[in-house]
Amino acid sequence: GYQITKFVTEPVYDTNGQSITDLPLFRYAEVLLNYAEAKAEL
């Protein structure tokens, strides 16, 4: 029932295989999360 919208763009790209949003592999937000968790665990 909770329909996901992350990465979803205009309806023109709804056909299978037609989405063109770049997909993140490394994001600065992850680095900040890593930093806080590593320090908390240490």
PDB file of all heavy atoms in Angstrom:
ATOM      1  N   GLY A   1       0.808  -1.215   0.000  1.00  0.00           N
ATOM      2  CA  GLY A   1       0.000   0.000   0.000  1.00  0.00           C
ATOM      3  C   GLY A   1       0.837   1.258   0.000  1.00  0.00           C
ATOM      4  O   GLY A   1       0.372   2.324  -0.411  1.00  0.00           O
ATOM      5  N   TYR A   2       2.084   1.152   0.451  1.00  0.00           N
ATOM      6  CA  TYR A   2       2.980   2.307   0.492  1.00  0.00           C
ATOM      7  C   TYR A   2       3.781   2.325  -0.810  1.00  0.00           C
ATOM      8  O   TYR A   2       4.797   1.645  -0.949  1.00  0.00           O
ATOM      9  CB  TYR A   2       3.901   2.230   1.702  1.00  0.00           C
ATOM     10  CG  TYR A   2       3.178   2.198   3.024  1.00  0.00           C
ATOM     11  CD1 TYR A   2       3.223   1.061   3.841  1.00  0.00           C
ATOM     12  CD2 TYR A   2       2.441   3.293   3.472  1.00  0.00           C
ATOM     13  CE1 TYR A   2       2.570   1.020   5.063  1.00  0.00           C
ATOM     14  CE2 TYR A   2       1.774   3.258   4.689  1.00  0.00           C
ATOM     15  CZ  TYR A   2       1.841   2.124   5.477  1.00  0.00           C
ATOM     16  OH  TYR A   2       1.180   2.088   6.691  1.00  0.00           O
ATOM     17  N   GLN A   3       3.307   3.113  -1.780  1.00  0.00           N
ATOM     18  CA  GLN A   3       3.875   3.091  -3.125  1.00  0.00           C
ATOM     19  C   GLN A   3       5.104   3.989  -3.214  1.00  0.00           C
ATOM     20  O   GLN A   3       5.064   5.173  -2.914  1.00  0.00           O
ATOM     21  CB  GLN A   3       2.833   3.536  -4.158  1.00  0.00           C
ATOM     22  CG  GLN A   3       3.309   3.360  -5.592  1.00  0.00           C
ATOM     23  CD  GLN A   3       2.233   3.688  -6.607  1.00  0.00           C
ATOM     24  OE1 GLN A   3       1.121   4.111  -6.250  1.00  0.00           O
ATOM     25  NE2 GLN A   3       2.528   3.497  -7.884  1.00  0.00           N
ATOM     26  N   ILE A   4       6.208   3.425  -3.685  1.00  0.00           N
ATOM     27  CA  ILE A   4       7.501   4.109  -3.697  1.00  0.00           C
ATOM     28  C   ILE A   4       7.564   5.126  -4.833  1.00  0.00           C
ATOM     29  O   ILE A   4       7.128   4.853  -5.957  1.00  0.00           O
ATOM     30  CB  ILE A   4       8.637   3.077  -3.834  1.00  0.00           C
ATOM     31  CG1 ILE A   4       8.618   2.115  -2.644  1.00  0.00           C
ATOM     32  CG2 ILE A   4       9.983   3.755  -3.946  1.00  0.00           C
ATOM     33  CD1 ILE A   4       9.487   0.882  -2.836  1.00  0.00           C
ATOM     34  N   THR A   5       8.138   6.292  -4.537  1.00  0.00           N
ATOM     35  CA  THR A   5       8.289   7.353  -5.537  1.00  0.00           C
ATOM     36  C   THR A   5       9.739   7.791  -5.733  1.00  0.00           C
ATOM     37  O   THR A   5      10.019   8.592  -6.622  1.00  0.00           O
ATOM     38  CB  THR A   5       7.477   8.596  -5.139  1.00  0.00           C
ATOM     39  OG1 THR A   5       7.961   9.101  -3.874  1.00  0.00           O
ATOM     40  CG2 THR A   5       5.993   8.268  -4.997  1.00  0.00           C
ATOM     41  N   LYS A   6      10.656   7.278  -4.946  1.00  0.00           N
ATOM     42  CA  LYS A   6      12.053   7.683  -5.071  1.00  0.00           C
ATOM     43  C   LYS A   6      12.572   7.281  -6.448  1.00  0.00           C
ATOM     44  O   LYS A   6      12.335   6.161  -6.901  1.00  0.00           O
ATOM     45  CB  LYS A   6      12.889   7.034  -3.963  1.00  0.00           C
ATOM     46  CG  LYS A   6      14.316   7.568  -3.854  1.00  0.00           C
ATOM     47  CD  LYS A   6      14.986   7.083  -2.568  1.00  0.00           C
ATOM     48  CE  LYS A   6      16.427   7.527  -2.453  1.00  0.00           C
ATOM     49  NZ  LYS A   6      17.043   7.150  -1.162  1.00  0.00           N
ATOM     50  N   PHE A   7      13.275   8.179  -7.111  1.00  0.00           N
ATOM     51  CA  PHE A   7      13.835   8.033  -8.452  1.00  0.00           C
ATOM     52  C   PHE A   7      12.795   8.172  -9.561  1.00  0.00           C
ATOM     53  O   PHE A   7      13.147   8.183 -10.744  1.00  0.00           O
ATOM     54  CB  PHE A   7      14.564   6.692  -8.642  1.00  0.00           C
ATOM     55  CG  PHE A   7      15.789   6.515  -7.793  1.00  0.00           C
ATOM     56  CD1 PHE A   7      15.804   5.589  -6.756  1.00  0.00           C
ATOM     57  CD2 PHE A   7      16.932   7.260  -8.031  1.00  0.00           C
ATOM     58  CE1 PHE A   7      16.947   5.401  -5.983  1.00  0.00           C
ATOM     59  CE2 PHE A   7      18.065   7.081  -7.260  1.00  0.00           C
ATOM     60  CZ  PHE A   7      18.075   6.161  -6.239  1.00  0.00           C
ATOM     61  N   VAL A   8      11.499   8.259  -9.235  1.00  0.00           N
ATOM     62  CA  VAL A   8      10.454   8.299 -10.256  1.00  0.00           C
ATOM     63  C   VAL A   8      10.406   9.680 -10.903  1.00  0.00           C
ATOM     64  O   VAL A   8      10.422  10.705 -10.217  1.00  0.00           O
ATOM     65  CB  VAL A   8       9.088   7.928  -9.655  1.00  0.00           C
ATOM     66  CG1 VAL A   8       7.984   8.074 -10.688  1.00  0.00           C
ATOM     67  CG2 VAL A   8       9.127   6.498  -9.115  1.00  0.00           C
ATOM     68  N   THR A   9      10.304   9.690 -12.246  1.00  0.00           N
ATOM     69  CA  THR A   9      10.305  10.954 -12.981  1.00  0.00           C
ATOM     70  C   THR A   9       9.015  11.086 -13.789  1.00  0.00           C
ATOM     71  O   THR A   9       7.988  10.514 -13.440  1.00  0.00           O
ATOM     72  CB  THR A   9      11.533  11.039 -13.900  1.00  0.00           C
ATOM     73  OG1 THR A   9      11.522   9.918 -14.804  1.00  0.00           O
ATOM     74  CG2 THR A   9      12.815  11.027 -13.095  1.00  0.00           C
ATOM     75  N   GLU A  10       9.062  11.816 -14.880  1.00  0.00           N
ATOM     76  CA  GLU A  10       7.884  12.106 -15.692  1.00  0.00           C
ATOM     77  C   GLU A  10       7.291  10.835 -16.288  1.00  0.00           C
ATOM     78  O   GLU A  10       7.998   9.872 -16.588  1.00  0.00           O
ATOM     79  CB  GLU A  10       8.252  13.060 -16.833  1.00  0.00           C
ATOM     80  CG  GLU A  10       8.808  14.401 -16.377  1.00  0.00           C
ATOM     81  CD  GLU A  10      10.321  14.427 -16.263  1.00  0.00           C
ATOM     82  OE1 GLU A  10      10.919  13.347 -16.015  1.00  0.00           O
ATOM     83  OE2 GLU A  10      10.906  15.514 -16.418  1.00  0.00           O
ATOM     84  N   PRO A  11       5.967  10.810 -16.497  1.00  0.00           N
ATOM     85  CA  PRO A  11       5.306   9.616 -17.039  1.00  0.00           C
ATOM     86  C   PRO A  11       5.817   9.191 -18.410  1.00  0.00           C
ATOM     87  O   PRO A  11       5.670   8.013 -18.777  1.00  0.00           O
ATOM     88  CB  PRO A  11       3.830  10.035 -17.113  1.00  0.00           C
ATOM     89  CG  PRO A  11       3.682  11.085 -16.062  1.00  0.00           C
ATOM     90  CD  PRO A  11       4.988  11.826 -16.061  1.00  0.00           C
ATOM     91  N   VAL A  12       6.428  10.082 -19.171  1.00  0.00           N
ATOM     92  CA  VAL A  12       6.927   9.730 -20.493  1.00  0.00           C
ATOM     93  C   VAL A  12       7.994   8.642 -20.412  1.00  0.00           C
ATOM     94  O   VAL A  12       8.257   7.932 -21.395  1.00  0.00           O
ATOM     95  CB  VAL A  12       7.483  10.981 -21.214  1.00  0.00           C
ATOM     96  CG1 VAL A  12       8.749  11.489 -20.562  1.00  0.00           C
ATOM     97  CG2 VAL A  12       7.716  10.692 -22.694  1.00  0.00           C
ATOM     98  N   TYR A  13       8.586   8.453 -19.225  1.00  0.00           N
ATOM     99  CA  TYR A  13       9.630   7.448 -19.047  1.00  0.00           C
ATOM    100  C   TYR A  13       9.118   6.170 -18.371  1.00  0.00           C
ATOM    101  O   TYR A  13       9.905   5.368 -17.884  1.00  0.00           O
ATOM    102  CB  TYR A  13      10.778   8.035 -18.221  1.00  0.00           C
ATOM    103  CG  TYR A  13      11.411   9.242 -18.869  1.00  0.00           C
ATOM    104  CD1 TYR A  13      11.208  10.519 -18.350  1.00  0.00           C
ATOM    105  CD2 TYR A  13      12.195   9.114 -20.013  1.00  0.00           C
ATOM    106  CE1 TYR A  13      11.777  11.627 -18.950  1.00  0.00           C
ATOM    107  CE2 TYR A  13      12.766  10.221 -20.616  1.00  0.00           C
ATOM    108  CZ  TYR A  13      12.544  11.477 -20.082  1.00  0.00           C
ATOM    109  OH  TYR A  13      13.104  12.577 -20.691  1.00  0.00           O
ATOM    110  N   ASP A  14       7.788   5.973 -18.375  1.00  0.00           N
ATOM    111  CA  ASP A  14       7.213   4.832 -17.667  1.00  0.00           C
ATOM    112  C   ASP A  14       7.388   3.496 -18.393  1.00  0.00           C
ATOM    113  O   ASP A  14       7.245   2.442 -17.778  1.00  0.00           O
ATOM    114  CB  ASP A  14       5.722   5.057 -17.412  1.00  0.00           C
ATOM    115  CG  ASP A  14       5.456   6.037 -16.280  1.00  0.00           C
ATOM    116  OD1 ASP A  14       6.433   6.477 -15.642  1.00  0.00           O
ATOM    117  OD2 ASP A  14       4.281   6.364 -16.039  1.00  0.00           O
ATOM    118  N   THR A  15       7.691   3.506 -19.679  1.00  0.00           N
ATOM    119  CA  THR A  15       7.886   2.257 -20.411  1.00  0.00           C
ATOM    120  C   THR A  15       9.100   1.519 -19.862  1.00  0.00           C
ATOM    121  O   THR A  15      10.100   2.126 -19.497  1.00  0.00           O
ATOM    122  CB  THR A  15       8.082   2.548 -21.911  1.00  0.00           C
ATOM    123  OG1 THR A  15       6.972   3.312 -22.379  1.00  0.00           O
ATOM    124  CG2 THR A  15       8.176   1.247 -22.705  1.00  0.00           C
ATOM    125  N   ASN A  16       9.015   0.196 -19.856  1.00  0.00           N
ATOM    126  CA  ASN A  16      10.108  -0.603 -19.315  1.00  0.00           C
ATOM    127  C   ASN A  16      11.428  -0.294 -20.026  1.00  0.00           C
ATOM    128  O   ASN A  16      11.512  -0.306 -21.252  1.00  0.00           O
ATOM    129  CB  ASN A  16       9.780  -2.093 -19.466  1.00  0.00           C
ATOM    130  CG  ASN A  16      10.722  -2.976 -18.688  1.00  0.00           C
ATOM    131  OD1 ASN A  16      11.403  -2.518 -17.772  1.00  0.00           O
ATOM    132  ND2 ASN A  16      10.765  -4.247 -19.035  1.00  0.00           N
ATOM    133  N   GLY A  17      12.459   0.008 -19.225  1.00  0.00           N
ATOM    134  CA  GLY A  17      13.785   0.269 -19.770  1.00  0.00           C
ATOM    135  C   GLY A  17      14.021   1.683 -20.253  1.00  0.00           C
ATOM    136  O   GLY A  17      15.074   1.961 -20.841  1.00  0.00           O
ATOM    137  N   GLN A  18      13.084   2.597 -19.992  1.00  0.00           N
ATOM    138  CA  GLN A  18      13.213   3.951 -20.542  1.00  0.00           C
ATOM    139  C   GLN A  18      13.577   5.012 -19.504  1.00  0.00           C
ATOM    140  O   GLN A  18      13.745   6.177 -19.854  1.00  0.00           O
ATOM    141  CB  GLN A  18      11.910   4.361 -21.231  1.00  0.00           C
ATOM    142  CG  GLN A  18      11.574   3.518 -22.446  1.00  0.00           C
ATOM    143  CD  GLN A  18      12.663   3.564 -23.496  1.00  0.00           C
ATOM    144  OE1 GLN A  18      13.064   4.631 -23.955  1.00  0.00           O
ATOM    145  NE2 GLN A  18      13.180   2.390 -23.870  1.00  0.00           N
ATOM    146  N   SER A  19      13.712   4.659 -18.237  1.00  0.00           N
ATOM    147  CA  SER A  19      14.093   5.657 -17.234  1.00  0.00           C
ATOM    148  C   SER A  19      15.539   6.096 -17.449  1.00  0.00           C
ATOM    149  O   SER A  19      16.403   5.271 -17.776  1.00  0.00           O
ATOM    150  CB  SER A  19      13.934   5.095 -15.824  1.00  0.00           C
ATOM    151  OG  SER A  19      12.584   4.868 -15.519  1.00  0.00           O
ATOM    152  N   ILE A  20      15.804   7.383 -17.270  1.00  0.00           N
ATOM    153  CA  ILE A  20      17.142   7.908 -17.568  1.00  0.00           C
ATOM    154  C   ILE A  20      17.770   8.656 -16.397  1.00  0.00           C
ATOM    155  O   ILE A  20      18.801   9.302 -16.562  1.00  0.00           O
ATOM    156  CB  ILE A  20      17.104   8.842 -18.795  1.00  0.00           C
ATOM    157  CG1 ILE A  20      16.151  10.021 -18.547  1.00  0.00           C
ATOM    158  CG2 ILE A  20      16.727   8.074 -20.049  1.00  0.00           C
ATOM    159  CD1 ILE A  20      16.287  11.133 -19.555  1.00  0.00           C
ATOM    160  N   THR A  21      17.187   8.580 -15.223  1.00  0.00           N
ATOM    161  CA  THR A  21      17.826   9.214 -14.068  1.00  0.00           C
ATOM    162  C   THR A  21      19.155   8.524 -13.779  1.00  0.00           C
ATOM    163  O   THR A  21      19.229   7.300 -13.729  1.00  0.00           O
ATOM    164  CB  THR A  21      16.940   9.104 -12.813  1.00  0.00           C
ATOM    165  OG1 THR A  21      16.455   7.758 -12.705  1.00  0.00           O
ATOM    166  CG2 THR A  21      15.789  10.068 -12.867  1.00  0.00           C
ATOM    167  N   ASP A  22      20.208   9.319 -13.603  1.00  0.00           N
ATOM    168  CA  ASP A  22      21.476   8.741 -13.169  1.00  0.00           C
ATOM    169  C   ASP A  22      21.286   8.102 -11.795  1.00  0.00           C
ATOM    170  O   ASP A  22      20.509   8.597 -10.967  1.00  0.00           O
ATOM    171  CB  ASP A  22      22.559   9.816 -13.082  1.00  0.00           C
ATOM    172  CG  ASP A  22      22.951  10.355 -14.439  1.00  0.00           C
ATOM    173  OD1 ASP A  22      22.646   9.705 -15.455  1.00  0.00           O
ATOM    174  OD2 ASP A  22      23.576  11.433 -14.491  1.00  0.00           O
ATOM    175  N   LEU A  23      21.997   7.020 -11.547  1.00  0.00           N
ATOM    176  CA  LEU A  23      21.855   6.299 -10.282  1.00  0.00           C
ATOM    177  C   LEU A  23      23.106   6.482  -9.434  1.00  0.00           C
ATOM    178  O   LEU A  23      24.217   6.195  -9.894  1.00  0.00           O
ATOM    179  CB  LEU A  23      21.616   4.811 -10.545  1.00  0.00           C
ATOM    180  CG  LEU A  23      20.333   4.491 -11.321  1.00  0.00           C
ATOM    181  CD1 LEU A  23      20.223   3.000 -11.588  1.00  0.00           C
ATOM    182  CD2 LEU A  23      19.094   4.993 -10.578  1.00  0.00           C
ATOM    183  N   PRO A  24      22.962   6.972  -8.203  1.00  0.00           N
ATOM    184  CA  PRO A  24      24.130   7.246  -7.362  1.00  0.00           C
ATOM    185  C   PRO A  24      24.810   5.972  -6.890  1.00  0.00           C
ATOM    186  O   PRO A  24      24.156   5.014  -6.473  1.00  0.00           O
ATOM    187  CB  PRO A  24      23.542   8.027  -6.181  1.00  0.00           C
ATOM    188  CG  PRO A  24      22.115   7.578  -6.103  1.00  0.00           C
ATOM    189  CD  PRO A  24      21.701   7.309  -7.516  1.00  0.00           C
ATOM    190  N   LEU A  25      26.132   5.961  -6.949  1.00  0.00           N
ATOM    191  CA  LEU A  25      26.950   4.864  -6.436  1.00  0.00           C
ATOM    192  C   LEU A  25      27.646   5.260  -5.139  1.00  0.00           C
ATOM    193  O   LEU A  25      27.832   4.436  -4.253  1.00  0.00           O
ATOM    194  CB  LEU A  25      27.982   4.450  -7.487  1.00  0.00           C
ATOM    195  CG  LEU A  25      27.406   3.964  -8.811  1.00  0.00           C
ATOM    196  CD1 LEU A  25      28.499   3.851  -9.866  1.00  0.00           C
ATOM    197  CD2 LEU A  25      26.698   2.624  -8.640  1.00  0.00           C
ATOM    198  N   PHE A  26      28.052   6.513  -5.048  1.00  0.00           N
ATOM    199  CA  PHE A  26      28.612   7.080  -3.821  1.00  0.00           C
ATOM    200  C   PHE A  26      28.003   8.454  -3.625  1.00  0.00           C
ATOM    201  O   PHE A  26      27.960   9.255  -4.561  1.00  0.00           O
ATOM    202  CB  PHE A  26      30.143   7.194  -3.900  1.00  0.00           C
ATOM    203  CG  PHE A  26      30.865   5.886  -3.873  1.00  0.00           C
ATOM    204  CD1 PHE A  26      31.196   5.240  -5.049  1.00  0.00           C
ATOM    205  CD2 PHE A  26      31.207   5.291  -2.664  1.00  0.00           C
ATOM    206  CE1 PHE A  26      31.860   4.028  -5.034  1.00  0.00           C
ATOM    207  CE2 PHE A  26      31.870   4.076  -2.637  1.00  0.00           C
ATOM    208  CZ  PHE A  26      32.197   3.443  -3.824  1.00  0.00           C
ATOM    209  N   ARG A  27      27.549   8.706  -2.408  1.00  0.00           N
ATOM    210  CA  ARG A  27      26.891   9.966  -2.105  1.00  0.00           C
ATOM    211  C   ARG A  27      27.481  10.529  -0.812  1.00  0.00           C
ATOM    212  O   ARG A  27      27.772   9.782   0.130  1.00  0.00           O
ATOM    213  CB  ARG A  27      25.385   9.701  -1.976  1.00  0.00           C
ATOM    214  CG  ARG A  27      24.518  10.931  -1.913  1.00  0.00           C
ATOM    215  CD  ARG A  27      23.085  10.634  -2.368  1.00  0.00           C
ATOM    216  NE  ARG A  27      22.344   9.717  -1.537  1.00  0.00           N
ATOM    217  CZ  ARG A  27      21.598  10.078  -0.479  1.00  0.00           C
ATOM    218  NH1 ARG A  27      21.513  11.337  -0.107  1.00  0.00           N
ATOM    219  NH2 ARG A  27      20.925   9.163   0.211  1.00  0.00           N
ATOM    220  N   TYR A  28      27.649  11.830  -0.768  1.00  0.00           N
ATOM    221  CA  TYR A  28      28.235  12.482   0.403  1.00  0.00           C
ATOM    222  C   TYR A  28      27.417  12.192   1.664  1.00  0.00           C
ATOM    223  O   TYR A  28      27.983  12.071   2.761  1.00  0.00           O
ATOM    224  CB  TYR A  28      28.338  13.982   0.152  1.00  0.00           C
ATOM    225  CG  TYR A  28      29.008  14.767   1.250  1.00  0.00           C
ATOM    226  CD1 TYR A  28      30.328  14.510   1.624  1.00  0.00           C
ATOM    227  CD2 TYR A  28      28.328  15.793   1.901  1.00  0.00           C
ATOM    228  CE1 TYR A  28      30.949  15.244   2.625  1.00  0.00           C
ATOM    229  CE2 TYR A  28      28.947  16.538   2.903  1.00  0.00           C
ATOM    230  CZ  TYR A  28      30.242  16.259   3.266  1.00  0.00           C
ATOM    231  OH  TYR A  28      30.859  16.986   4.260  1.00  0.00           O
ATOM    232  N   ALA A  29      26.105  12.045   1.504  1.00  0.00           N
ATOM    233  CA  ALA A  29      25.259  11.736   2.665  1.00  0.00           C
ATOM    234  C   ALA A  29      25.689  10.437   3.327  1.00  0.00           C
ATOM    235  O   ALA A  29      25.676  10.319   4.555  1.00  0.00           O
ATOM    236  CB  ALA A  29      23.797  11.653   2.232  1.00  0.00           C
ATOM    237  N   GLU A  30      26.069   9.445   2.520  1.00  0.00           N
ATOM    238  CA  GLU A  30      26.535   8.194   3.101  1.00  0.00           C
ATOM    239  C   GLU A  30      27.801   8.413   3.921  1.00  0.00           C
ATOM    240  O   GLU A  30      27.968   7.830   5.005  1.00  0.00           O
ATOM    241  CB  GLU A  30      26.815   7.163   2.004  1.00  0.00           C
ATOM    242  CG  GLU A  30      27.282   5.821   2.552  1.00  0.00           C
ATOM    243  CD  GLU A  30      28.226   5.059   1.634  1.00  0.00           C
ATOM    244  OE1 GLU A  30      28.287   5.391   0.440  1.00  0.00           O
ATOM    245  OE2 GLU A  30      28.916   4.134   2.127  1.00  0.00           O
ATOM    246  N   VAL A  31      28.698   9.231   3.421  1.00  0.00           N
ATOM    247  CA  VAL A  31      29.948   9.520   4.136  1.00  0.00           C
ATOM    248  C   VAL A  31      29.637  10.098   5.518  1.00  0.00           C
ATOM    249  O   VAL A  31      30.248   9.716   6.524  1.00  0.00           O
ATOM    250  CB  VAL A  31      30.830  10.480   3.328  1.00  0.00           C
ATOM    251  CG1 VAL A  31      32.047  10.930   4.145  1.00  0.00           C
ATOM    252  CG2 VAL A  31      31.274   9.823   2.021  1.00  0.00           C
ATOM    253  N   LEU A  32      28.682  11.018   5.581  1.00  0.00           N
ATOM    254  CA  LEU A  32      28.313  11.613   6.871  1.00  0.00           C
ATOM    255  C   LEU A  32      27.719  10.569   7.815  1.00  0.00           C
ATOM    256  O   LEU A  32      28.017  10.565   9.017  1.00  0.00           O
ATOM    257  CB  LEU A  32      27.314  12.750   6.648  1.00  0.00           C
ATOM    258  CG  LEU A  32      27.804  13.941   5.805  1.00  0.00           C
ATOM    259  CD1 LEU A  32      26.744  15.044   5.778  1.00  0.00           C
ATOM    260  CD2 LEU A  32      29.126  14.484   6.316  1.00  0.00           C
ATOM    261  N   LEU A  33      26.904   9.686   7.279  1.00  0.00           N
ATOM    262  CA  LEU A  33      26.341   8.608   8.095  1.00  0.00           C
ATOM    263  C   LEU A  33      27.440   7.657   8.570  1.00  0.00           C
ATOM    264  O   LEU A  33      27.434   7.217   9.731  1.00  0.00           O
ATOM    265  CB  LEU A  33      25.292   7.852   7.287  1.00  0.00           C
ATOM    266  CG  LEU A  33      23.986   8.610   7.039  1.00  0.00           C
ATOM    267  CD1 LEU A  33      23.231   8.016   5.859  1.00  0.00           C
ATOM    268  CD2 LEU A  33      23.104   8.603   8.283  1.00  0.00           C
ATOM    269  N   ASN A  34      28.367   7.332   7.686  1.00  0.00           N
ATOM    270  CA  ASN A  34      29.490   6.468   8.066  1.00  0.00           C
ATOM    271  C   ASN A  34      30.288   7.089   9.203  1.00  0.00           C
ATOM    272  O   ASN A  34      30.685   6.413  10.162  1.00  0.00           O
ATOM    273  CB  ASN A  34      30.420   6.247   6.874  1.00  0.00           C
ATOM    274  CG  ASN A  34      29.776   5.482   5.743  1.00  0.00           C
ATOM    275  OD1 ASN A  34      28.715   4.884   5.903  1.00  0.00           O
ATOM    276  ND2 ASN A  34      30.406   5.497   4.581  1.00  0.00           N
ATOM    277  N   TYR A  35      30.542   8.367   9.070  1.00  0.00           N
ATOM    278  CA  TYR A  35      31.359   9.091  10.057  1.00  0.00           C
ATOM    279  C   TYR A  35      30.711   9.038  11.438  1.00  0.00           C
ATOM    280  O   TYR A  35      31.357   8.675  12.440  1.00  0.00           O
ATOM    281  CB  TYR A  35      31.512  10.531   9.598  1.00  0.00           C
ATOM    282  CG  TYR A  35      32.225  11.448  10.568  1.00  0.00           C
ATOM    283  CD1 TYR A  35      33.593  11.360  10.756  1.00  0.00           C
ATOM    284  CD2 TYR A  35      31.517  12.427  11.276  1.00  0.00           C
ATOM    285  CE1 TYR A  35      34.253  12.211  11.632  1.00  0.00           C
ATOM    286  CE2 TYR A  35      32.166  13.275  12.150  1.00  0.00           C
ATOM    287  CZ  TYR A  35      33.535  13.167  12.332  1.00  0.00           C
ATOM    288  OH  TYR A  35      34.178  14.010  13.211  1.00  0.00           O
ATOM    289  N   ALA A  36      29.417   9.362  11.489  1.00  0.00           N
ATOM    290  CA  ALA A  36      28.727   9.381  12.784  1.00  0.00           C
ATOM    291  C   ALA A  36      28.667   7.982  13.393  1.00  0.00           C
ATOM    292  O   ALA A  36      28.896   7.815  14.599  1.00  0.00           O
ATOM    293  CB  ALA A  36      27.318   9.945  12.600  1.00  0.00           C
ATOM    294  N   GLU A  37      28.385   6.989  12.569  1.00  0.00           N
ATOM    295  CA  GLU A  37      28.259   5.634  13.105  1.00  0.00           C
ATOM    296  C   GLU A  37      29.601   5.094  13.593  1.00  0.00           C
ATOM    297  O   GLU A  37      29.687   4.480  14.663  1.00  0.00           O
ATOM    298  CB  GLU A  37      27.672   4.694  12.060  1.00  0.00           C
ATOM    299  CG  GLU A  37      27.411   3.302  12.603  1.00  0.00           C
ATOM    300  CD  GLU A  37      26.810   2.355  11.584  1.00  0.00           C
ATOM    301  OE1 GLU A  37      26.343   2.822  10.521  1.00  0.00           O
ATOM    302  OE2 GLU A  37      26.811   1.130  11.857  1.00  0.00           O
ATOM    303  N   ALA A  38      30.655   5.319  12.812  1.00  0.00           N
ATOM    304  CA  ALA A  38      31.974   4.823  13.218  1.00  0.00           C
ATOM    305  C   ALA A  38      32.400   5.447  14.546  1.00  0.00           C
ATOM    306  O   ALA A  38      32.927   4.758  15.425  1.00  0.00           O
ATOM    307  CB  ALA A  38      33.001   5.112  12.128  1.00  0.00           C
ATOM    308  N   LYS A  39      32.167   6.736  14.700  1.00  0.00           N
ATOM    309  CA  LYS A  39      32.545   7.393  15.946  1.00  0.00           C
ATOM    310  C   LYS A  39      31.679   6.915  17.113  1.00  0.00           C
ATOM    311  O   LYS A  39      32.161   6.748  18.230  1.00  0.00           O
ATOM    312  CB  LYS A  39      32.461   8.916  15.794  1.00  0.00           C
ATOM    313  CG  LYS A  39      33.431   9.489  14.762  1.00  0.00           C
ATOM    314  CD  LYS A  39      33.878  10.901  15.087  1.00  0.00           C
ATOM    315  CE  LYS A  39      34.920  10.892  16.190  1.00  0.00           C
ATOM    316  NZ  LYS A  39      35.523  12.229  16.416  1.00  0.00           N
ATOM    317  N   ALA A  40      30.397   6.688  16.848  1.00  0.00           N
ATOM    318  CA  ALA A  40      29.515   6.194  17.908  1.00  0.00           C
ATOM    319  C   ALA A  40      29.930   4.791  18.345  1.00  0.00           C
ATOM    320  O   ALA A  40      29.981   4.491  19.541  1.00  0.00           O
ATOM    321  CB  ALA A  40      28.064   6.199  17.432  1.00  0.00           C
ATOM    322  N   GLU A  41      30.243   3.925  17.393  1.00  0.00           N
ATOM    323  CA  GLU A  41      30.646   2.553  17.722  1.00  0.00           C
ATOM    324  C   GLU A  41      32.015   2.527  18.407  1.00  0.00           C
ATOM    325  O   GLU A  41      32.274   1.656  19.248  1.00  0.00           O
ATOM    326  CB  GLU A  41      30.677   1.693  16.456  1.00  0.00           C
ATOM    327  CG  GLU A  41      29.311   1.445  15.824  1.00  0.00           C
ATOM    328  CD  GLU A  41      28.465   0.453  16.608  1.00  0.00           C
ATOM    329  OE1 GLU A  41      28.885   0.029  17.707  1.00  0.00           O
ATOM    330  OE2 GLU A  41      27.367   0.110  16.129  1.00  0.00           O
ATOM    331  N   LEU A  42      32.855   3.490  18.094  1.00  0.00           N
ATOM    332  CA  LEU A  42      34.172   3.559  18.718  1.00  0.00           C
ATOM    333  C   LEU A  42      34.109   4.223  20.090  1.00  0.00           C
ATOM    334  O   LEU A  42      35.041   4.125  20.899  1.00  0.00           O
ATOM    335  CB  LEU A  42      35.125   4.328  17.796  1.00  0.00           C
ATOM    336  CG  LEU A  42      36.620   4.136  17.996  1.00  0.00           C
ATOM    337  CD1 LEU A  42      37.024   2.672  17.877  1.00  0.00           C
ATOM    338  CD2 LEU A  42      37.397   4.976  16.981  1.00  0.00           C
TER     339      LEU A  42
END
